[in-house]
Amino acid sequence: MIELILLALSAALGAVIRAYIISLKLFDRFSLPYGTFTVNVLGAFMMGLSIPLVAQGSLIYFMVIFGFLGGLTTYSAFTLDQLRLFETKAFKALVRYTFTMMFFCLVALALGLLIGVSF
């Protein structure tokens, strides 16, 4: 039972940090939702960094990977952003946003893995 509580607390912490980052005023000046982009790329990097450093199957692994990073990153907000771009017929922005997100998340994950493995 304590494991589930710790998982929930770590997910809540990730969600609070995500909400804070997304609400930063510096993202208001852009036409694309770069707040969501930022948390997803940051989360992908942290995921790559964490996987080699945290023993898989341990409580810390579940707290970091499924809890904190699960709360921090947001696929649902990403798809909602895509829907908004689609509804406003901003098709070029939709394609650019989608592929940019996918590319940079993969690069961030790979970079995190490379750094994590070198420790």
N, C-alpha and C. Protein backbone atom coordinates (compact mmCIF):
# COMPACT_ATOMS: atom_id res chain seq x y z
N MET A 1 0.82 -1.20 0.00
CA MET A 1 0.00 0.00 0.00
C MET A 1 0.86 1.26 0.00
N ILE A 2 1.95 1.25 0.75
CA ILE A 2 2.84 2.41 0.81
C ILE A 2 3.44 2.69 -0.57
N GLU A 3 3.68 1.63 -1.36
CA GLU A 3 4.23 1.80 -2.69
C GLU A 3 3.29 2.61 -3.58
N LEU A 4 1.99 2.32 -3.47
CA LEU A 4 1.01 3.04 -4.28
C LEU A 4 0.90 4.50 -3.85
N ILE A 5 1.01 4.75 -2.58
CA ILE A 5 0.98 6.13 -2.09
C ILE A 5 2.19 6.90 -2.59
N LEU A 6 3.37 6.28 -2.54
CA LEU A 6 4.59 6.94 -3.04
C LEU A 6 4.50 7.18 -4.54
N LEU A 7 3.95 6.22 -5.27
CA LEU A 7 3.75 6.38 -6.71
C LEU A 7 2.82 7.56 -6.99
N ALA A 8 1.73 7.64 -6.24
CA ALA A 8 0.77 8.73 -6.42
C ALA A 8 1.40 10.08 -6.08
N LEU A 9 2.18 10.14 -5.02
CA LEU A 9 2.83 11.39 -4.64
C LEU A 9 3.84 11.85 -5.68
N SER A 10 4.60 10.90 -6.23
CA SER A 10 5.58 11.27 -7.25
C SER A 10 4.89 11.71 -8.54
N ALA A 11 3.76 11.08 -8.87
CA ALA A 11 2.99 11.50 -10.06
C ALA A 11 2.41 12.89 -9.84
N ALA A 12 1.94 13.14 -8.63
CA ALA A 12 1.39 14.47 -8.32
C ALA A 12 2.47 15.54 -8.45
N LEU A 13 3.66 15.26 -7.97
CA LEU A 13 4.76 16.21 -8.08
C LEU A 13 5.07 16.50 -9.55
N GLY A 14 5.13 15.45 -10.37
CA GLY A 14 5.37 15.65 -11.80
C GLY A 14 4.27 16.48 -12.45
N ALA A 15 3.02 16.24 -12.07
CA ALA A 15 1.89 16.99 -12.64
C ALA A 15 1.93 18.46 -12.24
N VAL A 16 2.32 18.73 -11.00
CA VAL A 16 2.42 20.11 -10.53
C VAL A 16 3.52 20.85 -11.29
N ILE A 17 4.66 20.19 -11.47
CA ILE A 17 5.76 20.82 -12.21
C ILE A 17 5.35 21.04 -13.66
N ARG A 18 4.63 20.08 -14.25
CA ARG A 18 4.15 20.26 -15.62
C ARG A 18 3.23 21.46 -15.71
N ALA A 19 2.28 21.57 -14.80
CA ALA A 19 1.34 22.69 -14.82
C ALA A 19 2.08 24.02 -14.67
N TYR A 20 3.08 24.04 -13.82
CA TYR A 20 3.86 25.26 -13.64
C TYR A 20 4.61 25.64 -14.93
N ILE A 21 5.29 24.67 -15.52
CA ILE A 21 6.06 24.95 -16.74
C ILE A 21 5.14 25.41 -17.87
N ILE A 22 4.03 24.70 -18.07
CA ILE A 22 3.12 25.04 -19.16
C ILE A 22 2.50 26.43 -18.96
N SER A 23 2.32 26.84 -17.70
CA SER A 23 1.69 28.14 -17.44
C SER A 23 2.66 29.31 -17.50
N LEU A 24 3.94 29.06 -17.73
CA LEU A 24 4.91 30.15 -17.80
C LEU A 24 4.54 31.13 -18.91
N LYS A 25 4.60 32.39 -18.62
CA LYS A 25 4.19 33.44 -19.56
C LYS A 25 5.07 33.49 -20.81
N LEU A 26 6.29 33.01 -20.72
CA LEU A 26 7.17 33.07 -21.89
C LEU A 26 6.65 32.26 -23.06
N PHE A 27 5.77 31.29 -22.80
CA PHE A 27 5.21 30.49 -23.89
C PHE A 27 4.02 31.18 -24.57
N ASP A 28 3.48 32.23 -23.96
CA ASP A 28 2.32 32.91 -24.52
C ASP A 28 2.59 33.59 -25.85
N ARG A 29 3.84 33.94 -26.10
CA ARG A 29 4.15 34.69 -27.32
C ARG A 29 4.29 33.82 -28.56
N PHE A 30 4.22 32.51 -28.39
CA PHE A 30 4.38 31.60 -29.52
C PHE A 30 3.03 31.09 -30.01
N SER A 31 2.95 30.81 -31.30
CA SER A 31 1.71 30.30 -31.87
C SER A 31 1.54 28.80 -31.61
N LEU A 32 2.64 28.10 -31.39
CA LEU A 32 2.57 26.67 -31.10
C LEU A 32 2.65 26.46 -29.59
N PRO A 33 2.08 25.37 -29.08
CA PRO A 33 2.08 25.11 -27.64
C PRO A 33 3.43 24.59 -27.14
N TYR A 34 4.38 25.49 -27.00
CA TYR A 34 5.74 25.08 -26.61
C TYR A 34 5.86 24.69 -25.14
N GLY A 35 4.88 25.00 -24.33
CA GLY A 35 4.91 24.52 -22.94
C GLY A 35 4.80 23.00 -22.90
N THR A 36 3.85 22.46 -23.64
CA THR A 36 3.70 21.01 -23.74
C THR A 36 4.94 20.40 -24.38
N PHE A 37 5.43 21.05 -25.41
CA PHE A 37 6.64 20.59 -26.08
C PHE A 37 7.80 20.50 -25.09
N THR A 38 7.97 21.53 -24.27
CA THR A 38 9.06 21.58 -23.30
C THR A 38 8.98 20.46 -22.28
N VAL A 39 7.79 20.24 -21.71
CA VAL A 39 7.70 19.18 -20.69
C VAL A 39 7.90 17.80 -21.30
N ASN A 40 7.45 17.60 -22.51
CA ASN A 40 7.62 16.29 -23.13
C ASN A 40 9.07 16.01 -23.51
N VAL A 41 9.77 17.01 -24.04
CA VAL A 41 11.18 16.82 -24.39
C VAL A 41 12.01 16.65 -23.10
N LEU A 42 11.74 17.47 -22.11
CA LEU A 42 12.43 17.35 -20.82
C LEU A 42 12.17 15.98 -20.21
N GLY A 43 10.93 15.54 -20.25
CA GLY A 43 10.59 14.23 -19.70
C GLY A 43 11.26 13.09 -20.46
N ALA A 44 11.34 13.21 -21.78
CA ALA A 44 12.02 12.18 -22.57
C ALA A 44 13.50 12.11 -22.22
N PHE A 45 14.12 13.28 -22.05
CA PHE A 45 15.53 13.31 -21.65
C PHE A 45 15.70 12.67 -20.27
N MET A 46 14.86 13.05 -19.33
CA MET A 46 14.95 12.50 -17.98
C MET A 46 14.68 11.00 -17.96
N MET A 47 13.80 10.54 -18.83
CA MET A 47 13.53 9.11 -18.96
C MET A 47 14.78 8.39 -19.42
N GLY A 48 15.40 8.91 -20.45
CA GLY A 48 16.63 8.30 -20.96
C GLY A 48 17.73 8.30 -19.92
N LEU A 49 17.82 9.35 -19.17
CA LEU A 49 18.83 9.45 -18.12
C LEU A 49 18.54 8.49 -16.97
N SER A 50 17.28 8.30 -16.65
CA SER A 50 16.89 7.48 -15.50
C SER A 50 16.99 5.98 -15.74
N ILE A 51 16.64 5.54 -16.92
CA ILE A 51 16.56 4.10 -17.19
C ILE A 51 17.87 3.37 -16.87
N PRO A 52 19.04 3.88 -17.30
CA PRO A 52 20.25 3.14 -16.95
C PRO A 52 20.70 3.33 -15.50
N LEU A 53 20.21 4.37 -14.84
CA LEU A 53 20.69 4.68 -13.50
C LEU A 53 19.84 4.10 -12.38
N VAL A 54 18.60 3.77 -12.66
CA VAL A 54 17.69 3.28 -11.63
C VAL A 54 17.40 1.80 -11.89
N ALA A 55 17.55 0.99 -10.85
CA ALA A 55 17.34 -0.46 -10.99
C ALA A 55 15.90 -0.74 -11.40
N GLN A 56 15.74 -1.39 -12.56
CA GLN A 56 14.40 -1.69 -13.06
C GLN A 56 13.67 -2.60 -12.09
N GLY A 57 12.40 -2.30 -11.90
CA GLY A 57 11.57 -3.10 -11.00
C GLY A 57 11.62 -2.62 -9.56
N SER A 58 12.53 -1.70 -9.24
CA SER A 58 12.61 -1.20 -7.87
C SER A 58 11.51 -0.16 -7.62
N LEU A 59 11.29 0.14 -6.38
CA LEU A 59 10.29 1.15 -6.03
C LEU A 59 10.68 2.51 -6.60
N ILE A 60 11.95 2.84 -6.55
CA ILE A 60 12.40 4.13 -7.09
C ILE A 60 12.15 4.18 -8.59
N TYR A 61 12.36 3.07 -9.29
CA TYR A 61 12.10 3.01 -10.73
C TYR A 61 10.63 3.36 -11.02
N PHE A 62 9.72 2.74 -10.30
CA PHE A 62 8.29 3.01 -10.52
C PHE A 62 7.93 4.44 -10.14
N MET A 63 8.55 4.94 -9.08
CA MET A 63 8.27 6.33 -8.67
C MET A 63 8.78 7.33 -9.71
N VAL A 64 9.97 7.08 -10.26
CA VAL A 64 10.55 8.02 -11.24
C VAL A 64 9.89 7.86 -12.60
N ILE A 65 9.86 6.63 -13.12
CA ILE A 65 9.40 6.39 -14.50
C ILE A 65 7.89 6.55 -14.63
N PHE A 66 7.14 5.82 -13.83
CA PHE A 66 5.68 5.83 -13.96
C PHE A 66 5.04 6.95 -13.15
N GLY A 67 5.64 7.30 -12.03
CA GLY A 67 5.09 8.34 -11.18
C GLY A 67 5.46 9.72 -11.67
N PHE A 68 6.67 10.17 -11.32
CA PHE A 68 7.09 11.53 -11.62
C PHE A 68 7.06 11.84 -13.12
N LEU A 69 7.72 11.03 -13.93
CA LEU A 69 7.77 11.32 -15.36
C LEU A 69 6.43 11.11 -16.04
N GLY A 70 5.65 10.17 -15.53
CA GLY A 70 4.29 9.98 -16.04
C GLY A 70 3.41 11.20 -15.76
N GLY A 71 3.61 11.80 -14.59
CA GLY A 71 2.87 13.01 -14.25
C GLY A 71 3.39 14.24 -14.97
N LEU A 72 4.70 14.26 -15.22
CA LEU A 72 5.32 15.41 -15.87
C LEU A 72 4.98 15.48 -17.36
N THR A 73 5.16 14.39 -18.06
CA THR A 73 4.92 14.39 -19.51
C THR A 73 3.44 14.23 -19.79
N THR A 74 3.04 14.60 -20.98
CA THR A 74 1.62 14.61 -21.26
C THR A 74 1.31 14.34 -22.73
N TYR A 75 0.96 13.12 -23.00
CA TYR A 75 0.55 12.80 -24.36
C TYR A 75 -0.85 13.33 -24.63
N SER A 76 -1.70 13.33 -23.60
CA SER A 76 -3.07 13.80 -23.80
C SER A 76 -3.10 15.28 -24.16
N ALA A 77 -2.27 16.10 -23.52
CA ALA A 77 -2.22 17.52 -23.87
C ALA A 77 -1.64 17.70 -25.27
N PHE A 78 -0.68 16.87 -25.63
CA PHE A 78 -0.10 16.90 -26.98
C PHE A 78 -1.18 16.65 -28.02
N THR A 79 -2.01 15.64 -27.81
CA THR A 79 -3.06 15.34 -28.79
C THR A 79 -4.14 16.42 -28.79
N LEU A 80 -4.42 17.02 -27.64
CA LEU A 80 -5.38 18.12 -27.59
C LEU A 80 -4.83 19.33 -28.36
N ASP A 81 -3.56 19.59 -28.22
CA ASP A 81 -2.92 20.66 -28.99
C ASP A 81 -3.05 20.38 -30.49
N GLN A 82 -2.85 19.13 -30.86
CA GLN A 82 -2.98 18.76 -32.27
C GLN A 82 -4.41 18.99 -32.76
N LEU A 83 -5.38 18.63 -31.94
CA LEU A 83 -6.78 18.82 -32.32
C LEU A 83 -7.09 20.30 -32.50
N ARG A 84 -6.60 21.14 -31.61
CA ARG A 84 -6.83 22.59 -31.73
C ARG A 84 -6.23 23.15 -33.02
N LEU A 85 -5.03 22.70 -33.35
CA LEU A 85 -4.41 23.15 -34.60
C LEU A 85 -5.21 22.66 -35.80
N PHE A 86 -5.71 21.44 -35.73
CA PHE A 86 -6.54 20.88 -36.81
C PHE A 86 -7.84 21.67 -36.96
N GLU A 87 -8.49 21.95 -35.83
CA GLU A 87 -9.76 22.68 -35.87
C GLU A 87 -9.62 24.09 -36.43
N THR A 88 -8.49 24.71 -36.19
CA THR A 88 -8.26 26.05 -36.72
C THR A 88 -7.67 26.03 -38.13
N LYS A 89 -7.60 24.82 -38.69
CA LYS A 89 -7.08 24.62 -40.04
C LYS A 89 -5.63 25.09 -40.21
N ALA A 90 -4.88 25.00 -39.12
CA ALA A 90 -3.45 25.35 -39.16
C ALA A 90 -2.67 24.07 -39.47
N PHE A 91 -2.86 23.57 -40.68
CA PHE A 91 -2.33 22.27 -41.04
C PHE A 91 -0.80 22.22 -41.09
N LYS A 92 -0.20 23.28 -41.59
CA LYS A 92 1.28 23.31 -41.61
C LYS A 92 1.82 23.31 -40.19
N ALA A 93 1.21 24.09 -39.33
CA ALA A 93 1.65 24.13 -37.93
C ALA A 93 1.41 22.78 -37.25
N LEU A 94 0.31 22.13 -37.59
CA LEU A 94 0.01 20.81 -37.03
C LEU A 94 1.09 19.80 -37.41
N VAL A 95 1.45 19.76 -38.66
CA VAL A 95 2.47 18.82 -39.13
C VAL A 95 3.82 19.17 -38.51
N ARG A 96 4.17 20.46 -38.52
CA ARG A 96 5.44 20.89 -37.94
C ARG A 96 5.51 20.55 -36.44
N TYR A 97 4.46 20.84 -35.72
CA TYR A 97 4.40 20.57 -34.28
C TYR A 97 4.52 19.07 -34.00
N THR A 98 3.76 18.27 -34.72
CA THR A 98 3.76 16.82 -34.50
C THR A 98 5.13 16.21 -34.75
N PHE A 99 5.71 16.51 -35.89
CA PHE A 99 7.01 15.90 -36.21
C PHE A 99 8.15 16.49 -35.39
N THR A 100 8.06 17.77 -35.06
CA THR A 100 9.07 18.37 -34.20
C THR A 100 9.05 17.72 -32.82
N MET A 101 7.85 17.54 -32.27
CA MET A 101 7.72 16.90 -30.96
C MET A 101 8.30 15.49 -30.99
N MET A 102 7.91 14.72 -31.99
CA MET A 102 8.39 13.33 -32.07
C MET A 102 9.92 13.29 -32.21
N PHE A 103 10.45 14.13 -33.09
CA PHE A 103 11.89 14.14 -33.33
C PHE A 103 12.66 14.52 -32.07
N PHE A 104 12.30 15.64 -31.46
CA PHE A 104 13.06 16.11 -30.31
C PHE A 104 12.89 15.21 -29.08
N CYS A 105 11.74 14.58 -28.94
CA CYS A 105 11.58 13.63 -27.83
C CYS A 105 12.48 12.41 -28.03
N LEU A 106 12.58 11.93 -29.25
CA LEU A 106 13.49 10.81 -29.52
C LEU A 106 14.95 11.20 -29.33
N VAL A 107 15.32 12.38 -29.79
CA VAL A 107 16.69 12.86 -29.60
C VAL A 107 16.99 13.04 -28.11
N ALA A 108 16.05 13.63 -27.37
CA ALA A 108 16.25 13.83 -25.93
C ALA A 108 16.37 12.50 -25.19
N LEU A 109 15.54 11.53 -25.56
CA LEU A 109 15.62 10.21 -24.95
C LEU A 109 16.97 9.57 -25.23
N ALA A 110 17.41 9.62 -26.48
CA ALA A 110 18.71 9.04 -26.84
C ALA A 110 19.86 9.74 -26.12
N LEU A 111 19.80 11.06 -26.05
CA LEU A 111 20.83 11.81 -25.34
C LEU A 111 20.86 11.45 -23.86
N GLY A 112 19.68 11.36 -23.26
CA GLY A 112 19.60 10.95 -21.86
C GLY A 112 20.16 9.55 -21.64
N LEU A 113 19.85 8.64 -22.55
CA LEU A 113 20.39 7.27 -22.45
C LEU A 113 21.92 7.28 -22.56
N LEU A 114 22.43 8.03 -23.50
CA LEU A 114 23.89 8.10 -23.67
C LEU A 114 24.56 8.66 -22.41
N ILE A 115 24.01 9.69 -21.86
CA ILE A 115 24.58 10.27 -20.65
C ILE A 115 24.42 9.32 -19.47
N GLY A 116 23.24 8.72 -19.35
CA GLY A 116 22.97 7.80 -18.24
C GLY A 116 23.85 6.56 -18.28
N VAL A 117 24.11 6.04 -19.45
CA VAL A 117 24.96 4.85 -19.58
C VAL A 117 26.41 5.19 -19.23
N SER A 118 26.84 6.41 -19.50
CA SER A 118 28.22 6.78 -19.24
C SER A 118 28.53 6.97 -17.76
N PHE A 119 27.48 7.05 -16.92
CA PHE A 119 27.73 7.19 -15.48
C PHE A 119 28.09 5.87 -14.93
